[in-house]
Amino acid sequence: MSQTRFAESHEWVRLDDGLAVVGISTHAQDALGDVVFVDLPEAGRAVEAGEAVAVVESVKAASDIYAPIAGTIATVNAALVDDPALVNRDPMGEGWFFTITPRDAADADKLMDADAYAKHAEAGA
């Protein structure tokens, strides 16, 4: 698995066997609170970087989940439908949302590394 990269909108992306696995950061799930519902995109949908493609609802609010890179939705994490709290328990692992077949895998390199993202999150962004 490659290095985890982060979008300013708090999604993470990790390239794994040609697919980009996407989820939300620990910081984002902390801000959301208890996740109670996840609306996932359909496989086969073409998405652009920055496009809202999923929705996560918590006891506090509903928030869009954005595609950090352009490509096509390959798979979704069906486990989140039955157990949306998986996002709270393991946001950087089993709580992933969807995978994207990247249009250009190098786009992930344009996102923040963990150190830059930590500074971004600390700044209250």
C-alpha atoms as a PDB file:
ATOM      1  CA  MET A   1       0.000   0.000   0.000  1.00  0.00           C
ATOM      2  CA  SER A   2       1.225   3.473  -0.764  1.00  0.00           C
ATOM      3  CA  GLN A   3       1.444   6.508   1.449  1.00  0.00           C
ATOM      4  CA  THR A   4      -1.801   8.042   2.642  1.00  0.00           C
ATOM      5  CA  ARG A   5      -2.540  11.473   1.176  1.00  0.00           C
ATOM      6  CA  PHE A   6      -5.179  13.970   2.345  1.00  0.00           C
ATOM      7  CA  ALA A   7      -7.502  16.464   0.668  1.00  0.00           C
ATOM      8  CA  GLU A   8      -8.277  19.838   2.250  1.00  0.00           C
ATOM      9  CA  SER A   9     -11.865  18.602   2.656  1.00  0.00           C
ATOM     10  CA  HIS A  10     -10.571  15.882   5.068  1.00  0.00           C
ATOM     11  CA  GLU A  11     -10.795  12.810   2.843  1.00  0.00           C
ATOM     12  CA  TRP A  12      -7.824  10.467   2.711  1.00  0.00           C
ATOM     13  CA  VAL A  13      -6.726   8.426  -0.284  1.00  0.00           C
ATOM     14  CA  ARG A  14      -4.385   5.457  -0.444  1.00  0.00           C
ATOM     15  CA  LEU A  15      -3.404   3.726  -3.698  1.00  0.00           C
ATOM     16  CA  ASP A  16      -3.685  -0.060  -3.460  1.00  0.00           C
ATOM     17  CA  ASP A  17      -3.244  -2.350  -6.493  1.00  0.00           C
ATOM     18  CA  GLY A  18      -4.249   0.369  -8.944  1.00  0.00           C
ATOM     19  CA  LEU A  19      -7.274   1.494  -6.956  1.00  0.00           C
ATOM     20  CA  ALA A  20      -7.553   4.593  -4.794  1.00  0.00           C
ATOM     21  CA  VAL A  21      -9.192   3.722  -1.472  1.00  0.00           C
ATOM     22  CA  VAL A  22     -11.028   6.748  -0.004  1.00  0.00           C
ATOM     23  CA  GLY A  23     -12.228   7.514   3.510  1.00  0.00           C
ATOM     24  CA  ILE A  24     -12.393  10.398   5.961  1.00  0.00           C
ATOM     25  CA  SER A  25      -9.693  11.384   8.413  1.00  0.00           C
ATOM     26  CA  THR A  26      -9.739  10.755  12.127  1.00  0.00           C
ATOM     27  CA  HIS A  27     -10.026  14.535  12.551  1.00  0.00           C
ATOM     28  CA  ALA A  28     -13.157  14.604  10.350  1.00  0.00           C
ATOM     29  CA  GLN A  29     -14.902  11.754  12.138  1.00  0.00           C
ATOM     30  CA  ASP A  30     -14.084  13.359  15.503  1.00  0.00           C
ATOM     31  CA  ALA A  31     -15.738  16.569  14.304  1.00  0.00           C
ATOM     32  CA  LEU A  32     -18.786  14.685  13.019  1.00  0.00           C
ATOM     33  CA  GLY A  33     -19.472  12.726  16.167  1.00  0.00           C
ATOM     34  CA  ASP A  34     -21.413   9.466  16.073  1.00  0.00           C
ATOM     35  CA  VAL A  35     -22.061   8.459  12.458  1.00  0.00           C
ATOM     36  CA  VAL A  36     -25.582   7.075  12.006  1.00  0.00           C
ATOM     37  CA  PHE A  37     -26.008   6.836   8.204  1.00  0.00           C
ATOM     38  CA  VAL A  38     -23.858   6.703   5.084  1.00  0.00           C
ATOM     39  CA  ASP A  39     -25.125   7.265   1.530  1.00  0.00           C
ATOM     40  CA  LEU A  40     -22.602   5.713  -0.868  1.00  0.00           C
ATOM     41  CA  PRO A  41     -22.170   6.364  -4.608  1.00  0.00           C
ATOM     42  CA  GLU A  42     -22.923   3.793  -7.299  1.00  0.00           C
ATOM     43  CA  ALA A  43     -20.081   1.797  -8.808  1.00  0.00           C
ATOM     44  CA  GLY A  44     -19.332   2.882 -12.356  1.00  0.00           C
ATOM     45  CA  ARG A  45     -19.977   6.565 -11.726  1.00  0.00           C
ATOM     46  CA  ALA A  46     -17.353   8.893 -13.205  1.00  0.00           C
ATOM     47  CA  VAL A  47     -16.246  11.558 -10.730  1.00  0.00           C
ATOM     48  CA  GLU A  48     -14.084  14.659 -10.822  1.00  0.00           C
ATOM     49  CA  ALA A  49     -11.679  15.677  -8.066  1.00  0.00           C
ATOM     50  CA  GLY A  50     -13.573  17.781  -5.533  1.00  0.00           C
ATOM     51  CA  GLU A  51     -16.990  16.440  -6.565  1.00  0.00           C
ATOM     52  CA  ALA A  52     -19.420  15.460  -3.788  1.00  0.00           C
ATOM     53  CA  VAL A  53     -19.994  11.729  -4.197  1.00  0.00           C
ATOM     54  CA  ALA A  54     -21.255  10.429  -0.851  1.00  0.00           C
ATOM     55  CA  VAL A  55     -22.977  11.699   2.295  1.00  0.00           C
ATOM     56  CA  VAL A  56     -22.287  10.865   5.904  1.00  0.00           C
ATOM     57  CA  GLU A  57     -24.846  11.721   8.584  1.00  0.00           C
ATOM     58  CA  SER A  58     -24.043  11.964  12.252  1.00  0.00           C
ATOM     59  CA  VAL A  59     -25.970  12.960  15.327  1.00  0.00           C
ATOM     60  CA  LYS A  60     -24.594  16.490  14.716  1.00  0.00           C
ATOM     61  CA  ALA A  61     -24.923  17.056  10.952  1.00  0.00           C
ATOM     62  CA  ALA A  62     -24.879  15.673   7.421  1.00  0.00           C
ATOM     63  CA  SER A  63     -21.696  16.188   5.426  1.00  0.00           C
ATOM     64  CA  ASP A  64     -20.676  15.550   1.845  1.00  0.00           C
ATOM     65  CA  ILE A  65     -17.754  13.274   1.087  1.00  0.00           C
ATOM     66  CA  TYR A  66     -15.731  14.466  -1.907  1.00  0.00           C
ATOM     67  CA  ALA A  67     -13.664  12.570  -4.440  1.00  0.00           C
ATOM     68  CA  PRO A  68     -10.049  13.524  -3.742  1.00  0.00           C
ATOM     69  CA  ILE A  69      -9.023  12.525  -7.271  1.00  0.00           C
ATOM     70  CA  ALA A  70     -10.789  12.060 -10.612  1.00  0.00           C
ATOM     71  CA  GLY A  71     -11.752   8.637 -11.916  1.00  0.00           C
ATOM     72  CA  THR A  72     -14.522   6.057 -11.772  1.00  0.00           C
ATOM     73  CA  ILE A  73     -16.095   4.630  -8.621  1.00  0.00           C
ATOM     74  CA  ALA A  74     -15.003   0.983  -8.600  1.00  0.00           C
ATOM     75  CA  THR A  75     -16.438  -0.378  -5.344  1.00  0.00           C
ATOM     76  CA  VAL A  76     -18.177   0.827  -2.201  1.00  0.00           C
ATOM     77  CA  ASN A  77     -17.829  -0.352   1.375  1.00  0.00           C
ATOM     78  CA  ALA A  78     -21.183  -2.095   1.816  1.00  0.00           C
ATOM     79  CA  ALA A  79     -20.326  -2.798   5.465  1.00  0.00           C
ATOM     80  CA  LEU A  80     -21.044   0.879   6.198  1.00  0.00           C
ATOM     81  CA  VAL A  81     -24.698   0.464   5.222  1.00  0.00           C
ATOM     82  CA  ASP A  82     -25.321  -1.965   8.091  1.00  0.00           C
ATOM     83  CA  ASP A  83     -22.726  -0.501  10.452  1.00  0.00           C
ATOM     84  CA  PRO A  84     -22.132   3.227   9.774  1.00  0.00           C
ATOM     85  CA  ALA A  85     -20.371   3.562  13.150  1.00  0.00           C
ATOM     86  CA  LEU A  86     -17.465   1.675  11.557  1.00  0.00           C
ATOM     87  CA  VAL A  87     -16.428   5.133  10.334  1.00  0.00           C
ATOM     88  CA  ASN A  88     -15.992   6.198  13.982  1.00  0.00           C
ATOM     89  CA  ARG A  89     -14.260   3.011  15.102  1.00  0.00           C
ATOM     90  CA  ASP A  90     -11.729   2.771  12.247  1.00  0.00           C
ATOM     91  CA  PRO A  91     -11.852   5.839   9.966  1.00  0.00           C
ATOM     92  CA  MET A  92      -8.398   5.237   8.492  1.00  0.00           C
ATOM     93  CA  GLY A  93      -8.936   1.519   7.903  1.00  0.00           C
ATOM     94  CA  GLU A  94     -12.098  -0.585   7.745  1.00  0.00           C
ATOM     95  CA  GLY A  95     -14.266   2.558   7.738  1.00  0.00           C
ATOM     96  CA  TRP A  96     -13.295   3.472   4.145  1.00  0.00           C
ATOM     97  CA  PHE A  97     -16.124   4.691   1.875  1.00  0.00           C
ATOM     98  CA  PHE A  98     -15.327   3.777  -1.733  1.00  0.00           C
ATOM     99  CA  THR A  99     -12.575   3.012  -4.216  1.00  0.00           C
ATOM    100  CA  ILE A 100     -11.817   4.928  -7.387  1.00  0.00           C
ATOM    101  CA  THR A 101     -10.102   3.701 -10.514  1.00  0.00           C
ATOM    102  CA  PRO A 102      -7.953   6.811 -10.982  1.00  0.00           C
ATOM    103  CA  ARG A 103      -7.890   8.720 -14.244  1.00  0.00           C
ATOM    104  CA  ASP A 104      -4.291   9.574 -13.306  1.00  0.00           C
ATOM    105  CA  ALA A 105      -2.811   7.947 -10.180  1.00  0.00           C
ATOM    106  CA  ALA A 106      -0.240  10.751  -9.981  1.00  0.00           C
ATOM    107  CA  ASP A 107      -3.075  13.099  -8.944  1.00  0.00           C
ATOM    108  CA  ALA A 108      -2.830  11.618  -5.446  1.00  0.00           C
ATOM    109  CA  ASP A 109       0.707  13.035  -5.193  1.00  0.00           C
ATOM    110  CA  LYS A 110      -0.778  16.541  -5.412  1.00  0.00           C
ATOM    111  CA  LEU A 111      -2.616  16.036  -2.107  1.00  0.00           C
ATOM    112  CA  MET A 112      -1.185  16.709   1.361  1.00  0.00           C
ATOM    113  CA  ASP A 113       1.031  14.238   3.170  1.00  0.00           C
ATOM    114  CA  ALA A 114       0.279  13.377   6.807  1.00  0.00           C
ATOM    115  CA  ASP A 115       2.421  16.180   8.247  1.00  0.00           C
ATOM    116  CA  ALA A 116       0.904  18.869   6.023  1.00  0.00           C
ATOM    117  CA  TYR A 117      -2.595  17.566   6.767  1.00  0.00           C
ATOM    118  CA  ALA A 118      -1.967  17.629  10.529  1.00  0.00           C
ATOM    119  CA  LYS A 119      -1.010  21.312  10.270  1.00  0.00           C
ATOM    120  CA  HIS A 120      -4.099  21.949   8.120  1.00  0.00           C
ATOM    121  CA  ALA A 121      -6.374  20.253  10.660  1.00  0.00           C
ATOM    122  CA  GLU A 122      -4.728  22.058  13.609  1.00  0.00           C
ATOM    123  CA  ALA A 123      -5.351  25.373  11.867  1.00  0.00           C
ATOM    124  CA  GLY A 124      -9.055  24.618  12.159  1.00  0.00           C
ATOM    125  CA  ALA A 125      -9.657  24.117   8.457  1.00  0.00           C
END
